[in-house]
Amino acid sequence: QPMLVRLGGKDLQVNAEFTLYLTTDDGEAVLSPRQANQLVVVDFALSPEALVEHLLGVVARLKDSEYQAKVDSLRMKLAEDTATVESLGEQVLTLLSESEGNILDQDGLLGTVGS
């Protein structure tokens, strides 16, 4: 059964068993939650013990689809929470840089920090 893959803005029809391997030298590569959910990332800078743990996780997901769904859900939640924390951090820094006087008197700043 063929499937569509978008590569470079173009839709390509490929065999369902098609596998694409991508590499990067960028140790700071960032994936969106959706991308991270659809990919298997192998970090070649891993220790042998970490690689074994990663591969055991891959095998466990292949054996138990419910486990895969839970892992995917947790990854999505983690990515969303990380984005929220980063956003709140930026808001706090912006409010701190714009604040005048005693920061404890700044309701907007305290509300952002409290959330």
Protein backbone atom coordinates (compact mmCIF):
# COMPACT_ATOMS: atom_id res chain seq x y z
CA GLN A 1 0.00 0.00 0.00
CA PRO A 2 1.69 3.25 -1.09
CA MET A 3 1.82 6.23 1.25
CA LEU A 4 2.58 9.93 0.80
CA VAL A 5 5.70 11.50 2.26
CA ARG A 6 6.33 15.25 2.14
CA LEU A 7 9.97 15.99 1.45
CA GLY A 8 11.19 19.48 0.60
CA GLY A 9 7.63 20.70 0.15
CA LYS A 10 6.80 18.00 -2.40
CA ASP A 11 4.52 15.02 -1.84
CA LEU A 12 6.15 11.75 -2.87
CA GLN A 13 4.38 8.43 -3.16
CA VAL A 14 6.48 5.67 -1.58
CA ASN A 15 6.15 2.05 -0.62
CA ALA A 16 4.78 1.58 2.93
CA GLU A 17 7.98 -0.29 3.83
CA PHE A 18 10.12 2.66 2.76
CA THR A 19 12.61 3.84 5.38
CA LEU A 20 14.38 7.19 5.32
CA TYR A 21 17.51 7.82 7.35
CA LEU A 22 18.54 11.41 8.05
CA THR A 23 21.75 12.50 9.73
CA THR A 24 22.95 15.77 11.16
CA ASP A 25 26.09 17.06 12.81
CA ASP A 26 23.97 19.57 14.74
CA GLY A 27 23.90 18.40 18.34
CA GLU A 28 21.23 21.00 19.09
CA ALA A 29 18.71 19.83 16.48
CA VAL A 30 15.15 20.48 17.70
CA LEU A 31 12.13 18.42 16.70
CA SER A 32 8.53 19.46 17.11
CA PRO A 33 6.37 17.13 19.24
CA ARG A 34 4.74 15.81 16.07
CA GLN A 35 8.09 15.08 14.43
CA ALA A 36 9.48 13.45 17.58
CA ASN A 37 6.39 11.25 17.69
CA GLN A 38 6.88 10.03 14.13
CA LEU A 39 10.62 9.44 14.23
CA VAL A 40 13.09 7.16 15.90
CA VAL A 41 16.06 9.30 16.92
CA VAL A 42 19.41 7.63 17.47
CA ASP A 43 22.05 9.79 19.11
CA PHE A 44 25.42 8.30 18.20
CA ALA A 45 27.02 10.18 21.08
CA LEU A 46 25.24 7.81 23.48
CA SER A 47 27.09 5.50 25.79
CA PRO A 48 26.71 1.77 25.08
CA GLU A 49 24.46 1.44 28.16
CA ALA A 50 22.19 4.25 26.96
CA LEU A 51 22.03 2.71 23.48
CA VAL A 52 20.99 -0.64 24.98
CA GLU A 53 18.26 1.12 26.99
CA HIS A 54 17.05 2.92 23.85
CA LEU A 55 16.93 -0.28 21.80
CA LEU A 56 15.09 -2.13 24.57
CA GLY A 57 12.51 0.65 24.47
CA VAL A 58 12.16 0.21 20.70
CA VAL A 59 11.65 -3.55 21.07
CA ALA A 60 9.13 -3.06 23.90
CA ARG A 61 7.13 -0.62 21.75
CA LEU A 62 7.08 -3.08 18.88
CA LYS A 63 5.79 -5.84 21.15
CA ASP A 64 3.12 -3.76 22.91
CA SER A 65 1.21 -1.10 20.97
CA GLU A 66 -0.53 0.13 24.15
CA TYR A 67 2.91 0.88 25.58
CA GLN A 68 3.73 2.78 22.38
CA ALA A 69 0.58 4.89 22.73
CA LYS A 70 1.43 5.73 26.36
CA VAL A 71 5.00 6.67 25.46
CA ASP A 72 3.81 8.83 22.57
CA SER A 73 1.27 10.55 24.80
CA LEU A 74 3.89 11.24 27.47
CA ARG A 75 6.32 12.61 24.88
CA MET A 76 3.68 14.97 23.54
CA LYS A 77 2.79 16.14 27.07
CA LEU A 78 6.48 16.63 27.92
CA ALA A 79 7.05 18.66 24.76
CA GLU A 80 3.97 20.80 25.47
CA ASP A 81 5.02 21.36 29.09
CA THR A 82 8.57 22.26 28.03
CA ALA A 83 7.20 24.82 25.56
CA THR A 84 4.96 26.28 28.30
CA VAL A 85 7.89 26.57 30.72
CA GLU A 86 10.02 28.29 28.06
CA SER A 87 7.20 30.68 27.22
CA LEU A 88 6.61 31.56 30.87
CA GLY A 89 10.35 32.07 31.35
CA GLU A 90 10.42 34.51 28.44
CA GLN A 91 7.38 36.34 29.82
CA VAL A 92 8.99 36.66 33.26
CA LEU A 93 12.23 37.98 31.75
CA THR A 94 10.29 40.50 29.64
CA LEU A 95 8.24 41.66 32.62
CA LEU A 96 11.38 41.94 34.79
CA SER A 97 13.18 43.99 32.16
CA GLU A 98 10.17 46.32 31.81
CA SER A 99 9.40 46.62 35.52
CA GLU A 100 10.07 49.76 37.49
CA GLY A 101 10.27 50.08 41.24
CA ASN A 102 9.63 47.21 43.61
CA ILE A 103 8.98 44.01 41.66
CA LEU A 104 6.78 42.71 44.48
CA ASP A 105 4.30 45.48 43.63
CA GLN A 106 4.00 44.29 40.01
CA ASP A 107 0.75 42.29 39.83
CA GLY A 108 1.37 41.11 36.25
CA LEU A 109 4.80 39.80 37.13
CA LEU A 110 3.60 38.00 40.24
CA GLY A 111 0.69 36.49 38.30
CA THR A 112 3.04 35.16 35.62
CA VAL A 113 5.46 33.74 38.18
CA GLY A 114 2.53 32.18 40.07
CA SER A 115 1.31 30.35 37.00
